[in-house]
């Protein structure tokens, strides 16, 4: 007689194991410890065999009956259900699991990553991804599963992490495709299903009218214990201001990332591992930025362009922001806010296309296809834009009458008119041409 759901649910343990039959060989084995196991008794090739279907309530009565139906179908075809299960298990074992590939991807990239960033990435995977799809074959995971996983992260309010998670999963699939372990990336097209990005939190920055004062404060910075440390910090601040890069990208700038420094088109090539959006970023260097790089390469043999006090280490994450505090810009100007200054200037100048500005800032491109292939786009106009910006910085060091001539300076900042009251060039020595300090730390 067929079982009822309530019979299964309320079957109580006894001193000895006992069975509740559902017919056609399917029964529920109730153990003395209270566990309930589904089993199918059948005959194949003249021998009686048992096939386990799993534990109740994970495997419900309805699921157990479906498994019985499938086993009967195999028997009708002359196939042993137990042997069919073993073959399927071997086939699944031959498939690569998502977690296995994700860890291989991470190990492949870890050498080029900042250690803190590498740790954040793997922690993100272990917390939000591996428990959900880590033990699944990578080829069997479909877009709705990934979307559901990402939405669980969104549900706790972590919208930025959710987008980074989607980006990491996509990178893992591209790695798997290149390695021959997968053929498609199921994350393509998911951006439109995600919640909108949170509003941008603008970092503190001074008004453009105060820009010359800020530049002169950086050039005159004298807030650290040795002349060399002050010089390194000054150079790092100016280099960040000139290039519109993020603080971490300046901190870990390495000797071998720079190209054609003494040629007509100096370039800074940042690998995907170094970038927030994890795509290669090309920074065309202005003459002034190239001079800073040349100065620093002449000043030290360190691997990092801006070395810290300890050998083999870069300047710390707080070096530049603390310098801003010492110059009197606490809560008024952050290092990240340099990017906002450059962006505001470029947009207000009305001479530069928004795409050039966004590319210079290495912002994420919402168009996934376009964003994957455009790292070298607009290189020539971006070079011209950053050179104009560097010339503004250069001139700002000599402007002493901004308060008296605000309209003139405003026109100059928009690149629409020259400054009329600059000292003669032969009476000025640009910072970038100053002699280097001694090499003591």
Protein backbone atom coordinates (compact mmCIF):
# COMPACT_ATOMS: atom_id res chain seq x y z
CA UNK A 1 0.00 0.00 0.00
CA UNK A 2 1.33 3.43 -0.96
CA UNK A 3 2.64 5.66 1.82
CA UNK A 4 1.12 8.99 2.79
CA UNK A 5 3.24 12.07 3.50
CA UNK A 6 2.08 12.23 7.12
CA UNK A 7 3.10 8.59 7.70
CA UNK A 8 6.59 9.42 6.52
CA UNK A 9 6.80 12.67 8.47
CA UNK A 10 5.65 11.22 11.78
CA UNK A 11 7.35 7.83 11.59
CA UNK A 12 9.02 7.45 15.01
CA UNK A 13 12.25 5.70 15.90
CA UNK A 14 12.24 2.28 17.56
CA UNK A 15 14.84 0.12 19.22
CA UNK A 16 15.44 -1.70 15.94
CA UNK A 17 15.44 -0.50 12.30
CA UNK A 18 12.16 -0.96 10.47
CA UNK A 19 10.76 -0.31 6.97
CA UNK A 20 7.71 1.48 5.63
CA UNK A 21 6.89 0.23 2.12
CA UNK A 22 5.59 2.45 -0.70
CA UNK A 23 5.34 -0.41 -3.19
CA UNK A 24 7.35 -1.46 -6.26
CA UNK A 25 10.45 -1.98 -4.13
CA UNK A 26 10.58 1.53 -2.64
CA UNK A 27 10.68 1.74 1.14
CA UNK A 28 11.68 4.09 3.96
CA UNK A 29 14.21 2.66 6.42
CA UNK A 30 13.76 4.23 9.87
CA UNK A 31 16.90 3.89 12.02
CA UNK A 32 17.07 3.66 15.84
CA UNK A 33 18.65 7.15 15.89
CA UNK A 34 15.61 8.58 14.08
CA UNK A 35 17.16 9.08 10.63
CA UNK A 36 14.99 8.06 7.66
CA UNK A 37 16.57 6.68 4.47
CA UNK A 38 14.91 6.00 1.12
CA UNK A 39 15.89 2.74 -0.55
CA UNK A 40 14.85 0.80 -3.63
CA UNK A 41 15.06 -3.00 -3.66
CA UNK A 42 15.25 -4.48 -7.17
CA UNK A 43 16.61 -7.47 -9.06
CA UNK A 44 19.11 -7.27 -11.89
CA UNK A 45 20.80 -10.13 -13.69
CA UNK A 46 19.24 -12.57 -11.23
CA UNK A 47 20.59 -10.76 -8.16
CA UNK A 48 18.78 -8.71 -5.52
CA UNK A 49 20.20 -5.22 -5.11
CA UNK A 50 19.60 -2.07 -3.04
CA UNK A 51 19.81 1.51 -4.29
CA UNK A 52 19.87 4.43 -1.85
CA UNK A 53 17.92 7.60 -2.74
CA UNK A 54 19.01 9.77 0.20
CA UNK A 55 17.63 11.05 3.49
CA UNK A 56 14.17 12.29 4.34
CA UNK A 57 13.18 15.17 4.47
CA UNK A 58 15.91 16.34 2.03
CA UNK A 59 14.50 13.76 -0.36
CA UNK A 60 10.73 14.00 -0.09
CA UNK A 61 8.24 11.20 -0.80
CA UNK A 62 7.52 12.74 -4.22
CA UNK A 63 11.21 12.95 -5.13
CA UNK A 64 11.79 9.36 -3.98
CA UNK A 65 8.97 8.19 -6.25
CA UNK A 66 10.51 10.11 -9.20
CA UNK A 67 13.82 8.38 -8.55
CA UNK A 68 12.03 5.01 -8.44
CA UNK A 69 10.38 5.76 -11.80
CA UNK A 70 13.76 6.63 -13.35
CA UNK A 71 15.33 3.44 -11.94
CA UNK A 72 12.48 1.35 -13.37
CA UNK A 73 12.98 3.02 -16.76
CA UNK A 74 16.65 2.00 -16.74
CA UNK A 75 15.74 -1.55 -15.74
CA UNK A 76 13.27 -1.76 -18.63
CA UNK A 77 16.16 -0.77 -20.93
CA UNK A 78 18.30 -3.58 -19.50
CA UNK A 79 20.53 -1.25 -17.52
CA UNK A 80 21.50 -1.54 -13.84
CA UNK A 81 20.51 1.72 -12.04
CA UNK A 82 23.41 1.35 -9.58
CA UNK A 83 25.97 1.08 -12.42
CA UNK A 84 24.35 4.02 -14.23
CA UNK A 85 24.77 6.10 -11.08
CA UNK A 86 28.46 5.16 -10.80
CA UNK A 87 29.08 6.19 -14.41
CA UNK A 88 27.32 9.51 -13.90
CA UNK A 89 29.39 10.13 -10.78
CA UNK A 90 32.62 9.50 -12.70
CA UNK A 91 31.51 11.83 -15.48
CA UNK A 92 30.74 14.55 -12.96
CA UNK A 93 34.09 14.03 -11.29
CA UNK A 94 35.76 14.63 -14.67
CA UNK A 95 34.04 18.02 -14.89
CA UNK A 96 35.81 20.95 -13.30
CA UNK A 97 34.05 22.40 -10.26
CA UNK A 98 33.58 26.16 -10.06
CA UNK A 99 35.57 26.54 -6.84
CA UNK A 100 38.50 24.58 -8.25
CA UNK A 101 38.67 26.83 -11.30
CA UNK A 102 38.11 29.99 -9.25
CA UNK A 103 41.07 29.16 -7.02
CA UNK A 104 43.21 28.39 -10.07
CA UNK A 105 42.21 31.76 -11.54
CA UNK A 106 43.07 33.52 -8.29
CA UNK A 107 46.43 31.75 -8.01
CA UNK A 108 47.21 32.69 -11.60
CA UNK A 109 46.63 36.38 -10.87
CA UNK A 110 47.80 36.75 -7.28
CA UNK A 111 51.40 37.65 -8.11
CA UNK A 112 50.29 40.80 -9.89
CA UNK A 113 47.78 41.83 -7.24
CA UNK A 114 48.26 44.01 -4.21
CA UNK A 115 48.16 41.50 -1.32
CA UNK A 116 45.28 43.28 0.41
CA UNK A 117 43.24 43.31 -2.80
CA UNK A 118 44.01 39.64 -3.48
CA UNK A 119 42.79 38.76 0.01
CA UNK A 120 39.58 40.76 -0.46
CA UNK A 121 38.82 38.94 -3.71
CA UNK A 122 39.23 35.43 -2.30
CA UNK A 123 37.36 36.36 0.90
CA UNK A 124 34.50 37.62 -1.27
CA UNK A 125 34.44 34.28 -3.09
CA UNK A 126 34.56 32.21 0.09
CA UNK A 127 31.78 34.21 1.70
CA UNK A 128 29.31 34.73 -1.13
CA UNK A 129 30.12 32.39 -4.04
CA UNK A 130 31.65 29.07 -3.01
CA UNK A 131 28.85 28.12 -0.57
CA UNK A 132 26.32 28.58 -3.39
CA UNK A 133 27.97 27.30 -6.60
CA UNK A 134 31.46 26.25 -5.54
CA UNK A 135 30.78 22.50 -5.71
CA UNK A 136 28.89 22.68 -8.99
CA UNK A 137 30.50 21.76 -12.33
CA UNK A 138 31.27 25.08 -13.99
CA UNK A 139 29.51 24.08 -17.22
CA UNK A 140 26.23 23.34 -15.44
CA UNK A 141 25.73 26.74 -13.80
CA UNK A 142 23.19 28.91 -15.61
CA UNK A 143 22.51 32.69 -15.57
CA UNK A 144 19.49 32.56 -13.21
CA UNK A 145 21.59 30.78 -10.56
CA UNK A 146 24.30 33.42 -10.74
CA UNK A 147 21.73 36.21 -10.68
CA UNK A 148 20.04 34.71 -7.62
CA UNK A 149 23.43 34.50 -5.87
CA UNK A 150 24.24 38.14 -6.67
CA UNK A 151 20.78 39.30 -5.59
CA UNK A 152 21.37 37.72 -2.21
CA UNK A 153 24.35 40.06 -1.82
CA UNK A 154 22.27 43.02 -3.03
CA UNK A 155 19.61 42.13 -0.45
CA UNK A 156 21.98 42.94 2.40
CA UNK A 157 22.63 46.37 0.87
CA UNK A 158 26.09 45.60 -0.54
CA UNK A 159 25.41 46.88 -4.07
CA UNK A 160 29.02 47.68 -4.90
CA UNK A 161 30.20 44.26 -3.70
CA UNK A 162 27.44 42.62 -5.76
CA UNK A 163 28.76 44.26 -8.93
CA UNK A 164 32.35 43.33 -8.11
CA UNK A 165 31.19 39.77 -7.48
CA UNK A 166 29.57 39.60 -10.90
CA UNK A 167 32.78 40.98 -12.43
CA UNK A 168 34.93 38.37 -10.65
CA UNK A 169 32.65 35.50 -11.71
CA UNK A 170 32.82 36.74 -15.30
CA UNK A 171 36.63 36.82 -15.14
CA UNK A 172 36.66 33.26 -13.81
CA UNK A 173 34.50 32.10 -16.73
CA UNK A 174 36.78 33.83 -19.24
CA UNK A 175 39.73 32.07 -17.60
CA UNK A 176 37.86 28.74 -17.82
CA UNK A 177 37.01 29.31 -21.50
CA UNK A 178 40.65 30.09 -22.32
CA UNK A 179 41.69 26.93 -20.44
CA UNK A 180 39.20 24.70 -22.26
CA UNK A 181 37.00 24.02 -19.21
CA UNK A 182 33.97 26.01 -20.35
CA UNK A 183 32.53 27.33 -23.59
CA UNK A 184 30.27 30.22 -22.54
CA UNK A 185 30.17 32.98 -19.91
CA UNK A 186 26.70 32.92 -18.30
CA UNK A 187 27.27 36.33 -16.67
CA UNK A 188 27.00 38.21 -19.98
CA UNK A 189 23.93 40.41 -19.97
CA UNK A 190 23.40 40.27 -16.19
CA UNK A 191 24.24 43.96 -15.66
CA UNK A 192 20.76 45.01 -16.74
CA UNK A 193 19.23 42.74 -14.09
CA UNK A 194 21.29 44.18 -11.23
CA UNK A 195 20.22 47.06 -9.04
CA UNK A 196 21.56 50.48 -10.09
CA UNK A 197 24.93 51.47 -8.73
CA UNK A 198 24.78 53.52 -5.52
CA UNK A 199 25.23 57.28 -5.94
CA UNK A 200 28.84 58.36 -6.21
CA UNK A 201 30.21 59.69 -2.91
CA UNK A 202 32.32 62.65 -3.98
CA UNK A 203 35.59 63.04 -2.10
CA UNK A 204 36.37 66.42 -0.56
CA UNK A 205 37.98 68.90 -2.90
CA UNK A 206 38.55 72.64 -2.95
CA UNK A 207 36.81 74.94 -5.46
CA UNK A 208 38.76 75.53 -8.65
CA UNK A 209 39.26 79.16 -7.56
CA UNK A 210 41.51 77.84 -4.76
CA UNK A 211 43.39 75.52 -7.08
CA UNK A 212 46.57 77.66 -7.46
CA UNK A 213 46.86 77.92 -3.68
CA UNK A 214 46.60 74.13 -3.39
CA UNK A 215 49.26 73.59 -6.05
CA UNK A 216 51.64 76.05 -4.39
CA UNK A 217 51.06 74.32 -1.04
CA UNK A 218 52.05 70.99 -2.59
CA UNK A 219 55.16 72.48 -4.19
CA UNK A 220 56.15 73.99 -0.82
CA UNK A 221 55.31 70.89 1.25
CA UNK A 222 57.82 70.43 4.07
CA UNK A 223 55.97 68.23 6.54
CA UNK A 224 58.21 65.16 6.96
CA UNK A 225 61.40 64.35 8.80
CA UNK A 226 63.96 64.20 5.97
CA UNK A 227 64.32 66.19 2.73
CA UNK A 228 64.17 62.98 0.70
CA UNK A 229 60.92 61.79 2.32
CA UNK A 230 59.38 65.22 1.68
CA UNK A 231 60.50 65.12 -1.94
CA UNK A 232 59.02 61.66 -2.51
CA UNK A 233 55.70 62.72 -0.99
CA UNK A 234 55.63 65.93 -3.06
CA UNK A 235 56.37 64.01 -6.24
CA UNK A 236 53.67 61.43 -5.44
CA UNK A 237 51.07 64.15 -4.81
CA UNK A 238 51.93 66.01 -8.01
CA UNK A 239 52.07 62.83 -10.07
CA UNK A 240 48.60 61.84 -8.83
CA UNK A 241 47.29 65.33 -9.57
CA UNK A 242 48.78 65.25 -13.07
CA UNK A 243 47.52 61.79 -14.05
CA UNK A 244 44.06 61.55 -12.39
CA UNK A 245 44.83 58.06 -11.08
CA UNK A 246 43.74 56.55 -7.79
CA UNK A 247 45.95 56.65 -4.69
CA UNK A 248 46.80 52.93 -4.83
CA UNK A 249 47.81 53.21 -8.48
CA UNK A 250 50.36 55.90 -7.62
CA UNK A 251 51.58 54.07 -4.52
CA UNK A 252 52.45 50.90 -6.42
CA UNK A 253 53.71 52.55 -9.61
CA UNK A 254 56.66 50.39 -10.72
CA UNK A 255 59.71 51.14 -12.83
CA UNK A 256 58.80 48.67 -15.56
CA UNK A 257 55.33 50.15 -16.17
CA UNK A 258 56.63 53.23 -18.03
CA UNK A 259 57.34 53.42 -21.75
CA UNK A 260 58.97 55.97 -24.09
CA UNK A 261 59.81 58.34 -21.21
CA UNK A 262 62.28 60.34 -23.30
CA UNK A 263 60.30 60.05 -26.53
CA UNK A 264 57.38 62.02 -27.94
CA UNK A 265 54.66 59.80 -26.43
CA UNK A 266 55.54 58.76 -22.87
CA UNK A 267 53.07 56.21 -21.51
CA UNK A 268 52.19 54.55 -18.22
CA UNK A 269 50.74 51.05 -18.72
CA UNK A 270 48.85 49.65 -15.72
CA UNK A 271 47.97 45.95 -15.83
CA UNK A 272 44.40 44.75 -15.11
CA UNK A 273 45.50 43.44 -11.71
CA UNK A 274 46.43 46.96 -10.66
CA UNK A 275 43.13 48.56 -11.57
CA UNK A 276 39.88 48.88 -9.63
CA UNK A 277 37.91 47.84 -12.73
CA UNK A 278 40.46 45.09 -13.39
CA UNK A 279 41.11 46.11 -16.99
CA UNK A 280 44.36 47.43 -18.46
CA UNK A 281 44.61 51.21 -18.23
CA UNK A 282 46.89 53.37 -20.38
CA UNK A 283 47.85 56.81 -19.07
CA UNK A 284 49.42 59.18 -21.61
CA UNK A 285 51.96 61.21 -19.65
CA UNK A 286 52.28 64.96 -19.96
CA UNK A 287 55.79 66.44 -20.17
CA UNK A 288 55.58 67.34 -16.49
CA UNK A 289 54.46 63.86 -15.42
CA UNK A 290 57.22 62.27 -17.50
CA UNK A 291 59.77 64.57 -15.82
CA UNK A 292 58.63 63.40 -12.39
CA UNK A 293 59.05 59.77 -13.45
CA UNK A 294 62.51 60.54 -14.84
CA UNK A 295 63.47 62.30 -11.59
CA UNK A 296 62.32 59.40 -9.47
CA UNK A 297 64.05 56.77 -11.60
CA UNK A 298 67.29 58.75 -11.34
CA UNK A 299 66.87 59.15 -7.59
CA UNK A 300 66.45 55.50 -6.63
CA UNK A 301 66.92 51.90 -7.68
CA UNK A 302 63.83 50.80 -5.77
CA UNK A 303 61.23 48.70 -7.59
CA UNK A 304 58.59 51.29 -6.71
CA UNK A 305 58.62 54.78 -8.18
CA UNK A 306 57.66 56.21 -4.79
CA UNK A 307 59.51 54.05 -2.24
CA UNK A 308 58.62 53.98 1.43
CA UNK A 309 60.94 54.30 4.39
CA UNK A 310 61.43 50.53 4.50
CA UNK A 311 63.46 48.93 1.68
CA UNK A 312 61.30 47.16 -0.90
CA UNK A 313 58.09 48.85 0.26
CA UNK A 314 56.07 51.61 -1.37
CA UNK A 315 54.83 54.71 0.43
CA UNK A 316 52.01 53.84 2.81
CA UNK A 317 48.32 54.28 2.05
CA UNK A 318 48.25 57.27 4.42
CA UNK A 319 51.37 59.13 3.23
CA UNK A 320 49.64 61.43 0.75
CA UNK A 321 46.42 62.04 2.69
CA UNK A 322 48.38 62.92 5.84
CA UNK A 323 50.38 65.36 3.74
CA UNK A 324 47.10 67.03 2.75
CA UNK A 325 46.20 67.28 6.44
CA UNK A 326 49.59 68.83 7.27
CA UNK A 327 49.07 71.41 4.53
CA UNK A 328 45.82 72.48 6.21
CA UNK A 329 43.34 70.62 3.99
CA UNK A 330 41.69 68.33 6.55
CA UNK A 331 38.08 67.72 5.42
CA UNK A 332 38.68 70.12 2.50
CA UNK A 333 40.84 68.19 0.04
CA UNK A 334 41.56 64.48 -0.27
CA UNK A 335 44.00 62.81 -2.62
CA UNK A 336 41.12 61.01 -4.31
CA UNK A 337 39.56 64.44 -4.73
CA UNK A 338 42.37 65.33 -7.15
CA UNK A 339 40.46 63.24 -9.68
CA UNK A 340 37.38 65.35 -9.07
CA UNK A 341 39.38 68.54 -9.60
CA UNK A 342 40.66 67.28 -12.93
CA UNK A 343 37.23 66.06 -14.01
CA UNK A 344 35.55 69.33 -13.02
CA UNK A 345 38.17 71.37 -14.87
CA UNK A 346 37.86 69.24 -18.02
CA UNK A 347 34.07 69.32 -18.03
CA UNK A 348 33.88 73.06 -17.38
CA UNK A 349 36.45 73.79 -20.09
CA UNK A 350 33.91 72.41 -22.61
CA UNK A 351 36.74 71.38 -24.92
CA UNK A 352 36.97 67.70 -24.05
CA UNK A 353 34.48 64.94 -24.81
CA UNK A 354 32.92 63.14 -21.83
CA UNK A 355 34.25 59.80 -23.15
CA UNK A 356 37.82 61.14 -22.99
CA UNK A 357 37.30 62.28 -19.41
CA UNK A 358 35.70 59.00 -18.30
CA UNK A 359 38.48 57.02 -19.97
CA UNK A 360 41.15 59.14 -18.29
CA UNK A 361 39.49 58.43 -14.93
CA UNK A 362 39.34 54.67 -15.72
CA UNK A 363 35.66 54.56 -14.87
CA UNK A 364 33.61 51.44 -15.59
CA UNK A 365 31.92 51.35 -18.98
CA UNK A 366 28.30 50.22 -18.60
CA UNK A 367 28.46 48.77 -22.12
CA UNK A 368 30.07 45.39 -21.36
CA UNK A 369 31.20 44.73 -24.93
CA UNK A 370 32.64 48.19 -25.51
CA UNK A 371 34.20 48.21 -22.05
CA UNK A 372 36.15 45.04 -22.77
CA UNK A 373 38.07 46.44 -25.73
CA UNK A 374 38.59 50.16 -25.25
CA UNK A 375 41.68 50.50 -23.03
CA UNK A 376 43.62 52.26 -25.80
CA UNK A 377 40.76 54.42 -27.11
CA UNK A 378 41.12 58.20 -27.26
CA UNK A 379 44.83 58.02 -26.42
CA UNK A 380 45.74 61.04 -28.57
CA UNK A 381 42.98 63.38 -27.33
CA UNK A 382 43.54 62.20 -23.77
CA UNK A 383 47.24 63.05 -24.13
CA UNK A 384 46.33 66.55 -25.29
CA UNK A 385 43.81 66.94 -22.45
CA UNK A 386 46.26 65.85 -19.74
CA UNK A 387 48.96 68.08 -21.23
CA UNK A 388 46.58 71.06 -21.04
CA UNK A 389 45.87 70.13 -17.42
CA UNK A 390 49.59 69.91 -16.65
CA UNK A 391 50.13 73.34 -18.18
CA UNK A 392 47.37 74.71 -15.94
CA UNK A 393 49.18 73.23 -12.92
CA UNK A 394 52.47 74.66 -14.16
CA UNK A 395 50.99 78.13 -14.53
CA UNK A 396 49.21 77.90 -11.19
CA UNK A 397 52.58 77.82 -9.43
CA UNK A 398 53.33 81.31 -10.71
CA UNK A 399 49.88 82.88 -10.35
CA UNK A 400 49.92 85.18 -7.35
CA UNK A 401 47.01 87.43 -8.25
CA UNK A 402 44.08 85.01 -8.54
CA UNK A 403 42.10 86.92 -5.94
CA UNK A 404 42.63 90.18 -7.84
CA UNK A 405 41.89 88.71 -11.25
CA UNK A 406 39.29 85.93 -10.76
CA UNK A 407 37.73 86.40 -14.20
CA UNK A 408 41.09 86.14 -15.93
CA UNK A 409 41.97 82.99 -14.00
CA UNK A 410 38.54 81.48 -14.70
CA UNK A 411 39.09 82.01 -18.43
CA UNK A 412 42.54 80.48 -18.15
CA UNK A 413 41.18 77.41 -16.35
CA UNK A 414 38.75 76.91 -19.23
CA UNK A 415 41.72 77.15 -21.62
CA UNK A 416 40.02 80.09 -23.32
CA UNK A 417 42.54 82.84 -22.53
CA UNK A 418 46.16 83.16 -21.37
CA UNK A 419 47.23 84.48 -17.98
CA UNK A 420 48.48 88.05 -18.44
CA UNK A 421 50.39 88.53 -15.20
CA UNK A 422 52.86 85.63 -15.09
CA UNK A 423 56.51 86.34 -14.25
CA UNK A 424 58.86 85.90 -17.23
CA UNK A 425 59.70 82.24 -17.82
CA UNK A 426 63.42 82.89 -17.32
CA UNK A 427 62.64 84.06 -13.77
CA UNK A 428 60.88 80.82 -12.90
CA UNK A 429 62.30 77.38 -12.23
CA UNK A 430 59.53 74.78 -12.61
CA UNK A 431 59.39 72.25 -9.79
CA UNK A 432 60.05 69.37 -12.20
CA UNK A 433 63.46 70.85 -13.05
CA UNK A 434 64.68 71.28 -9.47
CA UNK A 435 67.81 69.32 -8.44
CA UNK A 436 67.29 65.98 -6.71
CA UNK A 437 67.85 65.45 -3.00
CA UNK A 438 70.46 63.12 -1.59
CA UNK A 439 69.50 59.46 -1.66
CA UNK A 440 69.47 58.87 2.12
CA UNK A 441 66.17 57.58 3.46
